[in-house]
Amino acid sequence: MKGNDKKDILSTALKSMNKEHDMIKEILNKINYAYNNKLNTTIKKKLINELYIFLDFHFTSEENMLTMFDYPDYDKHKEEHDHMKYHLAEIIGTLDVEEIDFEELKNFIYESLHIHTQKSDAELTKHLKTQYDSL
Protein backbone atom coordinates (compact mmCIF):
# COMPACT_ATOMS: atom_id res chain seq x y z
CA MET A 1 0.00 0.00 0.00
CA LYS A 2 1.38 3.42 -0.96
CA GLY A 3 2.12 5.93 1.79
CA ASN A 4 -0.64 8.35 0.81
CA ASP A 5 -3.19 5.54 0.50
CA LYS A 6 -2.25 4.27 3.92
CA LYS A 7 -2.41 7.78 5.36
CA ASP A 8 -5.90 8.28 3.93
CA ILE A 9 -7.11 4.95 5.31
CA LEU A 10 -5.61 5.66 8.73
CA SER A 11 -7.16 9.11 8.86
CA THR A 12 -10.58 7.79 7.88
CA ALA A 13 -10.30 4.87 10.28
CA LEU A 14 -9.60 7.17 13.23
CA LYS A 15 -12.53 9.43 12.36
CA SER A 16 -14.85 6.47 11.82
CA MET A 17 -13.96 4.90 15.14
CA ASN A 18 -14.89 8.10 16.98
CA LYS A 19 -18.13 8.47 15.03
CA GLU A 20 -19.06 4.88 15.81
CA HIS A 21 -18.50 5.48 19.53
CA ASP A 22 -20.85 8.46 19.29
CA MET A 23 -23.44 6.29 17.50
CA ILE A 24 -23.32 3.72 20.30
CA LYS A 25 -24.03 6.47 22.81
CA GLU A 26 -26.90 7.73 20.65
CA ILE A 27 -28.47 4.27 20.48
CA LEU A 28 -28.20 4.03 24.26
CA ASN A 29 -29.89 7.40 24.57
CA LYS A 30 -32.77 6.15 22.41
CA ILE A 31 -33.09 3.01 24.54
CA ASN A 32 -33.05 5.13 27.68
CA TYR A 33 -35.78 7.34 26.22
CA ALA A 34 -37.90 4.33 25.30
CA TYR A 35 -37.69 2.92 28.81
CA ASN A 36 -38.18 6.22 30.62
CA ASN A 37 -41.22 7.05 28.50
CA LYS A 38 -42.67 3.54 28.70
CA LEU A 39 -42.75 3.09 24.93
CA ASN A 40 -44.13 -0.17 23.62
CA THR A 41 -42.25 -3.45 23.74
CA THR A 42 -41.74 -3.62 19.97
CA ILE A 43 -39.70 -0.43 19.81
CA LYS A 44 -37.64 -1.44 22.86
CA LYS A 45 -36.80 -4.77 21.20
CA LYS A 46 -35.85 -3.03 17.96
CA LEU A 47 -33.60 -0.55 19.76
CA ILE A 48 -31.85 -3.22 21.79
CA ASN A 49 -31.39 -5.27 18.63
CA GLU A 50 -29.99 -2.15 16.93
CA LEU A 51 -27.48 -1.78 19.76
CA TYR A 52 -26.32 -5.39 19.50
CA ILE A 53 -26.02 -5.27 15.71
CA PHE A 54 -24.19 -1.94 15.77
CA LEU A 55 -21.76 -3.11 18.45
CA ASP A 56 -21.05 -6.21 16.39
CA PHE A 57 -20.42 -4.03 13.32
CA HIS A 58 -18.23 -1.62 15.30
CA PHE A 59 -16.13 -4.39 16.82
CA THR A 60 -15.69 -6.06 13.43
CA SER A 61 -14.65 -2.75 11.89
CA GLU A 62 -12.16 -2.11 14.66
CA GLU A 63 -10.74 -5.62 14.47
CA ASN A 64 -10.21 -5.19 10.74
CA MET A 65 -8.14 -2.08 11.50
CA LEU A 66 -6.18 -4.00 14.11
CA THR A 67 -5.30 -6.62 11.52
CA MET A 68 -4.60 -4.18 8.68
CA PHE A 69 -2.18 -2.12 10.73
CA ASP A 70 -0.45 -4.92 12.65
CA TYR A 71 -1.70 -3.94 16.08
CA PRO A 72 0.50 -5.80 18.59
CA ASP A 73 -2.27 -6.36 21.18
CA TYR A 74 -4.82 -7.70 18.71
CA ASP A 75 -5.68 -10.81 20.73
CA LYS A 76 -6.28 -8.88 23.95
CA HIS A 77 -8.36 -6.22 22.19
CA LYS A 78 -10.49 -8.82 20.40
CA GLU A 79 -10.96 -10.69 23.66
CA GLU A 80 -12.43 -7.53 25.22
CA HIS A 81 -14.82 -7.18 22.28
CA ASP A 82 -15.85 -10.82 22.56
CA HIS A 83 -16.45 -10.44 26.29
CA MET A 84 -18.66 -7.38 25.78
CA LYS A 85 -20.68 -9.06 23.03
CA TYR A 86 -21.10 -12.22 25.12
CA HIS A 87 -22.13 -10.30 28.24
CA LEU A 88 -24.54 -8.15 26.26
CA ALA A 89 -26.09 -11.28 24.76
CA GLU A 90 -26.50 -12.67 28.29
CA ILE A 91 -28.25 -9.50 29.47
CA ILE A 92 -30.66 -9.25 26.56
CA GLY A 93 -31.28 -13.00 26.36
CA THR A 94 -34.11 -13.69 23.97
CA LEU A 95 -35.10 -10.03 23.79
CA ASP A 96 -37.86 -10.47 26.34
CA VAL A 97 -37.85 -6.73 26.94
CA GLU A 98 -40.04 -6.90 30.02
CA GLU A 99 -37.47 -9.10 31.76
CA ILE A 100 -34.37 -7.15 30.74
CA ASP A 101 -32.82 -5.28 33.61
CA PHE A 102 -32.41 -1.98 31.80
CA GLU A 103 -30.21 -0.49 34.53
CA GLU A 104 -27.85 -3.46 34.24
CA LEU A 105 -27.82 -3.09 30.47
CA LYS A 106 -27.15 0.64 30.64
CA ASN A 107 -24.49 0.34 33.33
CA PHE A 108 -22.72 -2.49 31.56
CA ILE A 109 -22.56 -0.67 28.24
CA TYR A 110 -21.60 2.69 29.69
CA GLU A 111 -18.96 1.21 31.99
CA SER A 112 -17.61 -1.32 29.48
CA LEU A 113 -17.58 1.13 26.63
CA HIS A 114 -16.08 3.89 28.74
CA ILE A 115 -13.30 1.68 30.09
CA HIS A 116 -12.66 0.14 26.68
CA THR A 117 -12.52 3.47 24.85
CA GLN A 118 -10.47 5.21 27.53
CA LYS A 119 -7.90 2.44 27.77
CA SER A 120 -7.83 -0.07 24.92
CA ASP A 121 -9.08 2.17 22.13
CA ALA A 122 -6.77 4.95 23.31
CA GLU A 123 -3.84 2.54 22.87
CA LEU A 124 -5.13 1.58 19.43
CA THR A 125 -5.48 5.25 18.47
CA LYS A 126 -1.93 5.91 19.66
CA HIS A 127 -0.68 3.01 17.53
CA LEU A 128 -2.56 4.24 14.45
CA LYS A 129 -1.38 7.83 14.91
CA THR A 130 2.22 6.65 15.25
CA GLN A 131 1.87 4.80 11.95
CA TYR A 132 0.21 7.85 10.38
CA ASP A 133 2.98 10.19 11.56
CA SER A 134 5.69 7.87 10.26
CA LEU A 135 4.42 8.09 6.68
C-alpha atoms as a PDB file:
ATOM      1  CA  MET A   1       0.000   0.000   0.000  1.00  0.00           C
ATOM      2  CA  LYS A   2       1.379   3.415  -0.957  1.00  0.00           C
ATOM      3  CA  GLY A   3       2.124   5.926   1.795  1.00  0.00           C
ATOM      4  CA  ASN A   4      -0.645   8.354   0.807  1.00  0.00           C
ATOM      5  CA  ASP A   5      -3.195   5.539   0.500  1.00  0.00           C
ATOM      6  CA  LYS A   6      -2.246   4.266   3.924  1.00  0.00           C
ATOM      7  CA  LYS A   7      -2.407   7.779   5.355  1.00  0.00           C
ATOM      8  CA  ASP A   8      -5.900   8.279   3.926  1.00  0.00           C
ATOM      9  CA  ILE A   9      -7.107   4.950   5.307  1.00  0.00           C
ATOM     10  CA  LEU A  10      -5.613   5.659   8.727  1.00  0.00           C
ATOM     11  CA  SER A  11      -7.164   9.113   8.860  1.00  0.00           C
ATOM     12  CA  THR A  12     -10.577   7.792   7.876  1.00  0.00           C
ATOM     13  CA  ALA A  13     -10.299   4.873  10.282  1.00  0.00           C
ATOM     14  CA  LEU A  14      -9.601   7.168  13.234  1.00  0.00           C
ATOM     15  CA  LYS A  15     -12.530   9.426  12.364  1.00  0.00           C
ATOM     16  CA  SER A  16     -14.849   6.469  11.815  1.00  0.00           C
ATOM     17  CA  MET A  17     -13.962   4.898  15.139  1.00  0.00           C
ATOM     18  CA  ASN A  18     -14.893   8.095  16.984  1.00  0.00           C
ATOM     19  CA  LYS A  19     -18.134   8.472  15.030  1.00  0.00           C
ATOM     20  CA  GLU A  20     -19.059   4.878  15.809  1.00  0.00           C
ATOM     21  CA  HIS A  21     -18.501   5.476  19.530  1.00  0.00           C
ATOM     22  CA  ASP A  22     -20.850   8.456  19.289  1.00  0.00           C
ATOM     23  CA  MET A  23     -23.436   6.290  17.496  1.00  0.00           C
ATOM     24  CA  ILE A  24     -23.322   3.715  20.298  1.00  0.00           C
ATOM     25  CA  LYS A  25     -24.029   6.467  22.807  1.00  0.00           C
ATOM     26  CA  GLU A  26     -26.899   7.726  20.654  1.00  0.00           C
ATOM     27  CA  ILE A  27     -28.472   4.269  20.477  1.00  0.00           C
ATOM     28  CA  LEU A  28     -28.196   4.027  24.260  1.00  0.00           C
ATOM     29  CA  ASN A  29     -29.894   7.402  24.573  1.00  0.00           C
ATOM     30  CA  LYS A  30     -32.768   6.147  22.409  1.00  0.00           C
ATOM     31  CA  ILE A  31     -33.090   3.009  24.543  1.00  0.00           C
ATOM     32  CA  ASN A  32     -33.052   5.129  27.677  1.00  0.00           C
ATOM     33  CA  TYR A  33     -35.782   7.342  26.223  1.00  0.00           C
ATOM     34  CA  ALA A  34     -37.900   4.326  25.299  1.00  0.00           C
ATOM     35  CA  TYR A  35     -37.689   2.919  28.812  1.00  0.00           C
ATOM     36  CA  ASN A  36     -38.181   6.219  30.620  1.00  0.00           C
ATOM     37  CA  ASN A  37     -41.218   7.052  28.503  1.00  0.00           C
ATOM     38  CA  LYS A  38     -42.667   3.539  28.695  1.00  0.00           C
ATOM     39  CA  LEU A  39     -42.748   3.093  24.932  1.00  0.00           C
ATOM     40  CA  ASN A  40     -44.133  -0.172  23.616  1.00  0.00           C
ATOM     41  CA  THR A  41     -42.249  -3.448  23.743  1.00  0.00           C
ATOM     42  CA  THR A  42     -41.744  -3.616  19.965  1.00  0.00           C
ATOM     43  CA  ILE A  43     -39.696  -0.425  19.808  1.00  0.00           C
ATOM     44  CA  LYS A  44     -37.644  -1.438  22.863  1.00  0.00           C
ATOM     45  CA  LYS A  45     -36.803  -4.774  21.204  1.00  0.00           C
ATOM     46  CA  LYS A  46     -35.853  -3.033  17.963  1.00  0.00           C
ATOM     47  CA  LEU A  47     -33.602  -0.546  19.760  1.00  0.00           C
ATOM     48  CA  ILE A  48     -31.853  -3.224  21.794  1.00  0.00           C
ATOM     49  CA  ASN A  49     -31.392  -5.269  18.630  1.00  0.00           C
ATOM     50  CA  GLU A  50     -29.985  -2.145  16.930  1.00  0.00           C
ATOM     51  CA  LEU A  51     -27.484  -1.782  19.763  1.00  0.00           C
ATOM     52  CA  TYR A  52     -26.322  -5.389  19.499  1.00  0.00           C
ATOM     53  CA  ILE A  53     -26.022  -5.266  15.710  1.00  0.00           C
ATOM     54  CA  PHE A  54     -24.194  -1.936  15.768  1.00  0.00           C
ATOM     55  CA  LEU A  55     -21.756  -3.111  18.451  1.00  0.00           C
ATOM     56  CA  ASP A  56     -21.052  -6.212  16.388  1.00  0.00           C
ATOM     57  CA  PHE A  57     -20.425  -4.027  13.322  1.00  0.00           C
ATOM     58  CA  HIS A  58     -18.231  -1.625  15.300  1.00  0.00           C
ATOM     59  CA  PHE A  59     -16.131  -4.386  16.823  1.00  0.00           C
ATOM     60  CA  THR A  60     -15.687  -6.062  13.433  1.00  0.00           C
ATOM     61  CA  SER A  61     -14.646  -2.751  11.887  1.00  0.00           C
ATOM     62  CA  GLU A  62     -12.164  -2.105  14.660  1.00  0.00           C
ATOM     63  CA  GLU A  63     -10.743  -5.624  14.470  1.00  0.00           C
ATOM     64  CA  ASN A  64     -10.207  -5.188  10.735  1.00  0.00           C
ATOM     65  CA  MET A  65      -8.135  -2.076  11.495  1.00  0.00           C
ATOM     66  CA  LEU A  66      -6.183  -4.001  14.109  1.00  0.00           C
ATOM     67  CA  THR A  67      -5.296  -6.616  11.521  1.00  0.00           C
ATOM     68  CA  MET A  68      -4.605  -4.180   8.680  1.00  0.00           C
ATOM     69  CA  PHE A  69      -2.180  -2.124  10.731  1.00  0.00           C
ATOM     70  CA  ASP A  70      -0.452  -4.925  12.651  1.00  0.00           C
ATOM     71  CA  TYR A  71      -1.705  -3.942  16.082  1.00  0.00           C
ATOM     72  CA  PRO A  72       0.501  -5.804  18.595  1.00  0.00           C
ATOM     73  CA  ASP A  73      -2.269  -6.361  21.182  1.00  0.00           C
ATOM     74  CA  TYR A  74      -4.824  -7.696  18.711  1.00  0.00           C
ATOM     75  CA  ASP A  75      -5.685 -10.806  20.727  1.00  0.00           C
ATOM     76  CA  LYS A  76      -6.282  -8.877  23.949  1.00  0.00           C
ATOM     77  CA  HIS A  77      -8.365  -6.220  22.191  1.00  0.00           C
ATOM     78  CA  LYS A  78     -10.486  -8.815  20.395  1.00  0.00           C
ATOM     79  CA  GLU A  79     -10.958 -10.687  23.660  1.00  0.00           C
ATOM     80  CA  GLU A  80     -12.426  -7.528  25.219  1.00  0.00           C
ATOM     81  CA  HIS A  81     -14.819  -7.182  22.281  1.00  0.00           C
ATOM     82  CA  ASP A  82     -15.851 -10.818  22.556  1.00  0.00           C
ATOM     83  CA  HIS A  83     -16.446 -10.439  26.287  1.00  0.00           C
ATOM     84  CA  MET A  84     -18.658  -7.377  25.782  1.00  0.00           C
ATOM     85  CA  LYS A  85     -20.681  -9.062  23.030  1.00  0.00           C
ATOM     86  CA  TYR A  86     -21.101 -12.218  25.117  1.00  0.00           C
ATOM     87  CA  HIS A  87     -22.126 -10.303  28.241  1.00  0.00           C
ATOM     88  CA  LEU A  88     -24.543  -8.146  26.263  1.00  0.00           C
ATOM     89  CA  ALA A  89     -26.094 -11.282  24.760  1.00  0.00           C
ATOM     90  CA  GLU A  90     -26.503 -12.674  28.285  1.00  0.00           C
ATOM     91  CA  ILE A  91     -28.249  -9.503  29.467  1.00  0.00           C
ATOM     92  CA  ILE A  92     -30.655  -9.249  26.561  1.00  0.00           C
ATOM     93  CA  GLY A  93     -31.278 -12.995  26.358  1.00  0.00           C
ATOM     94  CA  THR A  94     -34.109 -13.694  23.966  1.00  0.00           C
ATOM     95  CA  LEU A  95     -35.100 -10.034  23.788  1.00  0.00           C
ATOM     96  CA  ASP A  96     -37.856 -10.471  26.344  1.00  0.00           C
ATOM     97  CA  VAL A  97     -37.855  -6.729  26.940  1.00  0.00           C
ATOM     98  CA  GLU A  98     -40.044  -6.896  30.017  1.00  0.00           C
ATOM     99  CA  GLU A  99     -37.472  -9.103  31.758  1.00  0.00           C
ATOM    100  CA  ILE A 100     -34.375  -7.154  30.741  1.00  0.00           C
ATOM    101  CA  ASP A 101     -32.822  -5.278  33.615  1.00  0.00           C
ATOM    102  CA  PHE A 102     -32.405  -1.976  31.802  1.00  0.00           C
ATOM    103  CA  GLU A 103     -30.209  -0.488  34.532  1.00  0.00           C
ATOM    104  CA  GLU A 104     -27.850  -3.460  34.240  1.00  0.00           C
ATOM    105  CA  LEU A 105     -27.816  -3.089  30.465  1.00  0.00           C
ATOM    106  CA  LYS A 106     -27.152   0.639  30.637  1.00  0.00           C
ATOM    107  CA  ASN A 107     -24.486   0.344  33.335  1.00  0.00           C
ATOM    108  CA  PHE A 108     -22.725  -2.494  31.557  1.00  0.00           C
ATOM    109  CA  ILE A 109     -22.560  -0.675  28.237  1.00  0.00           C
ATOM    110  CA  TYR A 110     -21.601   2.692  29.685  1.00  0.00           C
ATOM    111  CA  GLU A 111     -18.962   1.205  31.991  1.00  0.00           C
ATOM    112  CA  SER A 112     -17.614  -1.317  29.484  1.00  0.00           C
ATOM    113  CA  LEU A 113     -17.577   1.125  26.628  1.00  0.00           C
ATOM    114  CA  HIS A 114     -16.083   3.890  28.745  1.00  0.00           C
ATOM    115  CA  ILE A 115     -13.302   1.681  30.092  1.00  0.00           C
ATOM    116  CA  HIS A 116     -12.662   0.141  26.682  1.00  0.00           C
ATOM    117  CA  THR A 117     -12.516   3.473  24.848  1.00  0.00           C
ATOM    118  CA  GLN A 118     -10.466   5.208  27.529  1.00  0.00           C
ATOM    119  CA  LYS A 119      -7.901   2.435  27.770  1.00  0.00           C
ATOM    120  CA  SER A 120      -7.829  -0.071  24.916  1.00  0.00           C
ATOM    121  CA  ASP A 121      -9.080   2.174  22.129  1.00  0.00           C
ATOM    122  CA  ALA A 122      -6.770   4.945  23.306  1.00  0.00           C
ATOM    123  CA  GLU A 123      -3.844   2.544  22.866  1.00  0.00           C
ATOM    124  CA  LEU A 124      -5.132   1.579  19.431  1.00  0.00           C
ATOM    125  CA  THR A 125      -5.484   5.250  18.471  1.00  0.00           C
ATOM    126  CA  LYS A 126      -1.933   5.911  19.655  1.00  0.00           C
ATOM    127  CA  HIS A 127      -0.683   3.009  17.527  1.00  0.00           C
ATOM    128  CA  LEU A 128      -2.558   4.237  14.449  1.00  0.00           C
ATOM    129  CA  LYS A 129      -1.385   7.831  14.913  1.00  0.00           C
ATOM    130  CA  THR A 130       2.222   6.648  15.249  1.00  0.00           C
ATOM    131  CA  GLN A 131       1.874   4.805  11.947  1.00  0.00           C
ATOM    132  CA  TYR A 132       0.210   7.854  10.378  1.00  0.00           C
ATOM    133  CA  ASP A 133       2.981  10.188  11.555  1.00  0.00           C
ATOM    134  CA  SER A 134       5.693   7.869  10.257  1.00  0.00           C
ATOM    135  CA  LEU A 135       4.415   8.093   6.675  1.00  0.00           C
END
